[in-house]
Amino acid sequence: MPSYRVTMALGALHRGVDPADVLPTAVDTARALTAVEAGTVEIRRGQALVVVRFEAPDDQEASDVGRAVVRRIDELVVVESSRTTRRYGARWYPLR
């Protein structure tokens, strides 16, 4: 089954949200829809990113999972940008 990931660049937390809840919520949201391979928090160029890697049978379902995760996380923190990508070999490519 193909591997996908949704990457979200995060801004300000909404009032009352514990930062420690963001990654587990993202992973749990994806896990409710498909098998999750990994979830990480990264810092790139000073920007906080949450990345959830998951499996999906095709690009359409992967897109649906990515949108569901972004919608849920946007309830906790401002999602400044997001992108769902598919793995081909060692590289990740945006969905069309």
N, C-alpha and C. Protein backbone atom coordinates (compact mmCIF):
# COMPACT_ATOMS: atom_id res chain seq x y z
N MET A 1 0.85 -1.18 0.00
CA MET A 1 0.00 0.00 0.00
C MET A 1 0.90 1.24 0.00
N PRO A 2 0.56 2.25 -0.79
CA PRO A 2 1.39 3.45 -0.86
C PRO A 2 1.46 4.20 0.47
N SER A 3 2.57 4.89 0.66
CA SER A 3 2.80 5.70 1.85
C SER A 3 2.59 7.17 1.50
N TYR A 4 1.90 7.86 2.37
CA TYR A 4 1.60 9.29 2.20
C TYR A 4 1.98 10.02 3.49
N ARG A 5 2.03 11.33 3.40
CA ARG A 5 2.19 12.12 4.62
C ARG A 5 1.49 13.46 4.43
N VAL A 6 0.98 13.95 5.54
CA VAL A 6 0.42 15.30 5.56
C VAL A 6 1.36 16.12 6.45
N THR A 7 1.79 17.25 5.92
CA THR A 7 2.70 18.15 6.63
C THR A 7 1.98 19.46 6.84
N MET A 8 1.94 19.91 8.09
CA MET A 8 1.25 21.15 8.44
C MET A 8 2.23 22.12 9.10
N ALA A 9 2.29 23.33 8.57
CA ALA A 9 3.06 24.41 9.19
C ALA A 9 2.13 25.10 10.18
N LEU A 10 2.58 25.18 11.42
CA LEU A 10 1.71 25.68 12.48
C LEU A 10 2.04 27.09 12.91
N GLY A 11 0.98 27.82 13.25
CA GLY A 11 1.12 29.16 13.79
C GLY A 11 0.74 29.14 15.27
N ALA A 12 -0.04 30.12 15.68
CA ALA A 12 -0.39 30.30 17.09
C ALA A 12 -1.41 29.26 17.56
N LEU A 13 -1.20 28.82 18.79
CA LEU A 13 -2.16 27.93 19.43
C LEU A 13 -3.43 28.70 19.76
N HIS A 14 -4.56 28.03 19.67
CA HIS A 14 -5.80 28.65 20.13
C HIS A 14 -5.80 28.65 21.65
N ARG A 15 -6.50 29.60 22.22
CA ARG A 15 -6.54 29.77 23.66
C ARG A 15 -6.93 28.47 24.37
N GLY A 16 -6.16 28.14 25.41
CA GLY A 16 -6.47 26.99 26.25
C GLY A 16 -5.98 25.65 25.73
N VAL A 17 -5.29 25.63 24.58
CA VAL A 17 -4.81 24.38 24.00
C VAL A 17 -3.41 24.07 24.54
N ASP A 18 -3.22 22.85 24.99
CA ASP A 18 -1.91 22.39 25.44
C ASP A 18 -1.11 21.96 24.22
N PRO A 19 0.07 22.51 24.00
CA PRO A 19 0.87 22.14 22.83
C PRO A 19 1.14 20.64 22.75
N ALA A 20 1.20 19.97 23.89
CA ALA A 20 1.46 18.53 23.91
C ALA A 20 0.31 17.72 23.32
N ASP A 21 -0.84 18.33 23.12
CA ASP A 21 -2.00 17.63 22.56
C ASP A 21 -2.04 17.63 21.03
N VAL A 22 -1.25 18.48 20.40
CA VAL A 22 -1.37 18.65 18.95
C VAL A 22 -0.95 17.40 18.18
N LEU A 23 0.24 16.89 18.42
CA LEU A 23 0.70 15.71 17.68
C LEU A 23 -0.18 14.48 17.94
N PRO A 24 -0.48 14.15 19.20
CA PRO A 24 -1.35 12.98 19.42
C PRO A 24 -2.73 13.12 18.77
N THR A 25 -3.26 14.33 18.74
CA THR A 25 -4.56 14.55 18.08
C THR A 25 -4.45 14.32 16.58
N ALA A 26 -3.37 14.80 15.98
CA ALA A 26 -3.17 14.59 14.54
C ALA A 26 -3.05 13.10 14.22
N VAL A 27 -2.28 12.39 15.00
CA VAL A 27 -2.09 10.96 14.78
C VAL A 27 -3.40 10.20 14.99
N ASP A 28 -4.11 10.52 16.07
CA ASP A 28 -5.38 9.85 16.36
C ASP A 28 -6.42 10.10 15.27
N THR A 29 -6.44 11.31 14.72
CA THR A 29 -7.39 11.63 13.66
C THR A 29 -7.11 10.79 12.42
N ALA A 30 -5.85 10.69 12.05
CA ALA A 30 -5.48 9.86 10.89
C ALA A 30 -5.74 8.38 11.19
N ARG A 31 -5.41 7.95 12.41
CA ARG A 31 -5.57 6.54 12.77
C ARG A 31 -7.03 6.10 12.73
N ALA A 32 -7.95 7.02 12.95
CA ALA A 32 -9.37 6.68 12.88
C ALA A 32 -9.79 6.35 11.44
N LEU A 33 -8.97 6.76 10.47
CA LEU A 33 -9.31 6.57 9.06
C LEU A 33 -8.44 5.56 8.33
N THR A 34 -7.21 5.34 8.82
CA THR A 34 -6.26 4.47 8.12
C THR A 34 -5.13 4.07 9.05
N ALA A 35 -4.21 3.27 8.56
CA ALA A 35 -3.03 2.86 9.33
C ALA A 35 -2.01 4.00 9.33
N VAL A 36 -1.53 4.35 10.52
CA VAL A 36 -0.55 5.42 10.66
C VAL A 36 0.83 4.80 10.83
N GLU A 37 1.78 5.30 10.06
CA GLU A 37 3.15 4.81 10.13
C GLU A 37 3.99 5.58 11.14
N ALA A 38 3.77 6.91 11.24
CA ALA A 38 4.57 7.73 12.15
C ALA A 38 3.95 9.11 12.29
N GLY A 39 4.31 9.76 13.37
CA GLY A 39 3.92 11.15 13.59
C GLY A 39 5.08 11.87 14.24
N THR A 40 5.43 13.05 13.73
CA THR A 40 6.57 13.79 14.27
C THR A 40 6.28 15.28 14.32
N VAL A 41 7.04 15.94 15.17
CA VAL A 41 7.08 17.40 15.20
C VAL A 41 8.47 17.79 14.76
N GLU A 42 8.56 18.74 13.84
CA GLU A 42 9.84 19.18 13.32
C GLU A 42 9.90 20.71 13.34
N ILE A 43 11.09 21.22 13.32
CA ILE A 43 11.30 22.67 13.16
C ILE A 43 12.15 22.85 11.91
N ARG A 44 11.62 23.59 10.94
CA ARG A 44 12.35 23.90 9.71
C ARG A 44 12.34 25.41 9.52
N ARG A 45 13.52 25.98 9.44
CA ARG A 45 13.65 27.43 9.26
C ARG A 45 12.83 28.20 10.29
N GLY A 46 12.82 27.71 11.52
CA GLY A 46 12.11 28.38 12.60
C GLY A 46 10.61 28.14 12.62
N GLN A 47 10.10 27.32 11.72
CA GLN A 47 8.65 27.04 11.61
C GLN A 47 8.35 25.66 12.21
N ALA A 48 7.37 25.61 13.11
CA ALA A 48 6.94 24.33 13.67
C ALA A 48 6.11 23.57 12.64
N LEU A 49 6.43 22.31 12.45
CA LEU A 49 5.70 21.45 11.53
C LEU A 49 5.24 20.19 12.26
N VAL A 50 4.04 19.75 11.94
CA VAL A 50 3.56 18.44 12.38
C VAL A 50 3.43 17.60 11.12
N VAL A 51 4.02 16.40 11.15
CA VAL A 51 4.00 15.50 10.00
C VAL A 51 3.40 14.17 10.45
N VAL A 52 2.39 13.71 9.72
CA VAL A 52 1.79 12.41 9.98
C VAL A 52 1.93 11.58 8.71
N ARG A 53 2.62 10.45 8.83
CA ARG A 53 2.81 9.54 7.70
C ARG A 53 1.82 8.39 7.85
N PHE A 54 1.17 8.05 6.75
CA PHE A 54 0.11 7.04 6.81
C PHE A 54 0.01 6.28 5.50
N GLU A 55 -0.78 5.20 5.52
CA GLU A 55 -1.03 4.41 4.33
C GLU A 55 -2.42 4.73 3.79
N ALA A 56 -2.55 4.61 2.48
CA ALA A 56 -3.86 4.76 1.84
C ALA A 56 -3.82 3.99 0.52
N PRO A 57 -4.95 3.45 0.09
CA PRO A 57 -4.96 2.66 -1.14
C PRO A 57 -4.77 3.50 -2.41
N ASP A 58 -5.12 4.80 -2.35
CA ASP A 58 -4.99 5.64 -3.54
C ASP A 58 -4.90 7.11 -3.13
N ASP A 59 -4.61 7.94 -4.13
CA ASP A 59 -4.43 9.37 -3.87
C ASP A 59 -5.69 10.05 -3.34
N GLN A 60 -6.85 9.64 -3.81
CA GLN A 60 -8.10 10.26 -3.36
C GLN A 60 -8.32 10.02 -1.86
N GLU A 61 -8.16 8.79 -1.42
CA GLU A 61 -8.33 8.51 0.00
C GLU A 61 -7.27 9.20 0.83
N ALA A 62 -6.05 9.26 0.32
CA ALA A 62 -4.98 9.97 1.03
C ALA A 62 -5.32 11.45 1.17
N SER A 63 -5.85 12.03 0.12
CA SER A 63 -6.27 13.42 0.17
C SER A 63 -7.36 13.64 1.22
N ASP A 64 -8.30 12.71 1.29
CA ASP A 64 -9.37 12.80 2.28
C ASP A 64 -8.81 12.72 3.70
N VAL A 65 -7.87 11.81 3.93
CA VAL A 65 -7.25 11.68 5.25
C VAL A 65 -6.50 12.97 5.59
N GLY A 66 -5.72 13.47 4.64
CA GLY A 66 -4.97 14.71 4.88
C GLY A 66 -5.87 15.87 5.24
N ARG A 67 -6.98 16.02 4.51
CA ARG A 67 -7.91 17.12 4.81
C ARG A 67 -8.55 16.95 6.18
N ALA A 68 -8.88 15.72 6.56
CA ALA A 68 -9.49 15.47 7.88
C ALA A 68 -8.52 15.85 9.00
N VAL A 69 -7.26 15.49 8.83
CA VAL A 69 -6.25 15.82 9.85
C VAL A 69 -6.08 17.34 9.95
N VAL A 70 -5.98 18.00 8.82
CA VAL A 70 -5.81 19.46 8.82
C VAL A 70 -7.01 20.15 9.48
N ARG A 71 -8.23 19.72 9.14
CA ARG A 71 -9.42 20.32 9.75
C ARG A 71 -9.40 20.18 11.27
N ARG A 72 -9.03 18.99 11.74
CA ARG A 72 -9.02 18.76 13.19
C ARG A 72 -7.93 19.58 13.88
N ILE A 73 -6.75 19.62 13.31
CA ILE A 73 -5.66 20.37 13.93
C ILE A 73 -5.93 21.87 13.89
N ASP A 74 -6.62 22.33 12.85
CA ASP A 74 -6.96 23.76 12.76
C ASP A 74 -7.89 24.19 13.90
N GLU A 75 -8.53 23.25 14.56
CA GLU A 75 -9.34 23.56 15.74
C GLU A 75 -8.47 23.83 16.96
N LEU A 76 -7.21 23.37 16.93
CA LEU A 76 -6.30 23.52 18.07
C LEU A 76 -5.28 24.63 17.87
N VAL A 77 -4.85 24.80 16.62
CA VAL A 77 -3.76 25.72 16.31
C VAL A 77 -3.98 26.23 14.88
N VAL A 78 -3.52 27.42 14.61
CA VAL A 78 -3.64 27.96 13.26
C VAL A 78 -2.73 27.15 12.33
N VAL A 79 -3.33 26.52 11.33
CA VAL A 79 -2.56 25.80 10.32
C VAL A 79 -2.28 26.80 9.20
N GLU A 80 -1.05 27.24 9.13
CA GLU A 80 -0.69 28.26 8.14
C GLU A 80 -0.60 27.70 6.73
N SER A 81 -0.18 26.46 6.62
CA SER A 81 -0.17 25.79 5.31
C SER A 81 -0.13 24.29 5.56
N SER A 82 -0.56 23.55 4.54
CA SER A 82 -0.52 22.09 4.65
C SER A 82 -0.29 21.50 3.26
N ARG A 83 0.20 20.29 3.27
CA ARG A 83 0.47 19.61 2.01
C ARG A 83 0.44 18.10 2.23
N THR A 84 -0.24 17.40 1.36
CA THR A 84 -0.24 15.95 1.40
C THR A 84 0.60 15.45 0.24
N THR A 85 1.54 14.55 0.55
CA THR A 85 2.46 14.06 -0.45
C THR A 85 2.47 12.53 -0.47
N ARG A 86 2.91 11.97 -1.59
CA ARG A 86 3.00 10.52 -1.75
C ARG A 86 4.46 10.14 -1.95
N ARG A 87 4.83 9.02 -1.38
CA ARG A 87 6.21 8.56 -1.50
C ARG A 87 6.38 7.67 -2.73
N TYR A 88 7.38 8.03 -3.51
CA TYR A 88 7.83 7.22 -4.64
C TYR A 88 9.32 6.99 -4.42
N GLY A 89 9.70 5.77 -4.09
CA GLY A 89 11.12 5.51 -3.79
C GLY A 89 11.50 6.26 -2.53
N ALA A 90 12.55 7.06 -2.64
CA ALA A 90 13.05 7.81 -1.48
C ALA A 90 12.53 9.26 -1.47
N ARG A 91 11.67 9.63 -2.42
CA ARG A 91 11.21 11.02 -2.54
C ARG A 91 9.72 11.14 -2.30
N TRP A 92 9.31 12.35 -1.90
CA TRP A 92 7.91 12.66 -1.65
C TRP A 92 7.45 13.66 -2.70
N TYR A 93 6.28 13.38 -3.30
CA TYR A 93 5.74 14.23 -4.37
C TYR A 93 4.32 14.69 -4.00
N PRO A 94 3.99 15.95 -4.26
CA PRO A 94 2.65 16.46 -3.95
C PRO A 94 1.58 15.71 -4.75
N LEU A 95 0.43 15.56 -4.14
CA LEU A 95 -0.72 14.98 -4.85
C LEU A 95 -1.23 15.98 -5.86
N ARG A 96 -1.82 15.50 -6.93
CA ARG A 96 -2.37 16.39 -7.96
C ARG A 96 -3.81 16.65 -7.71
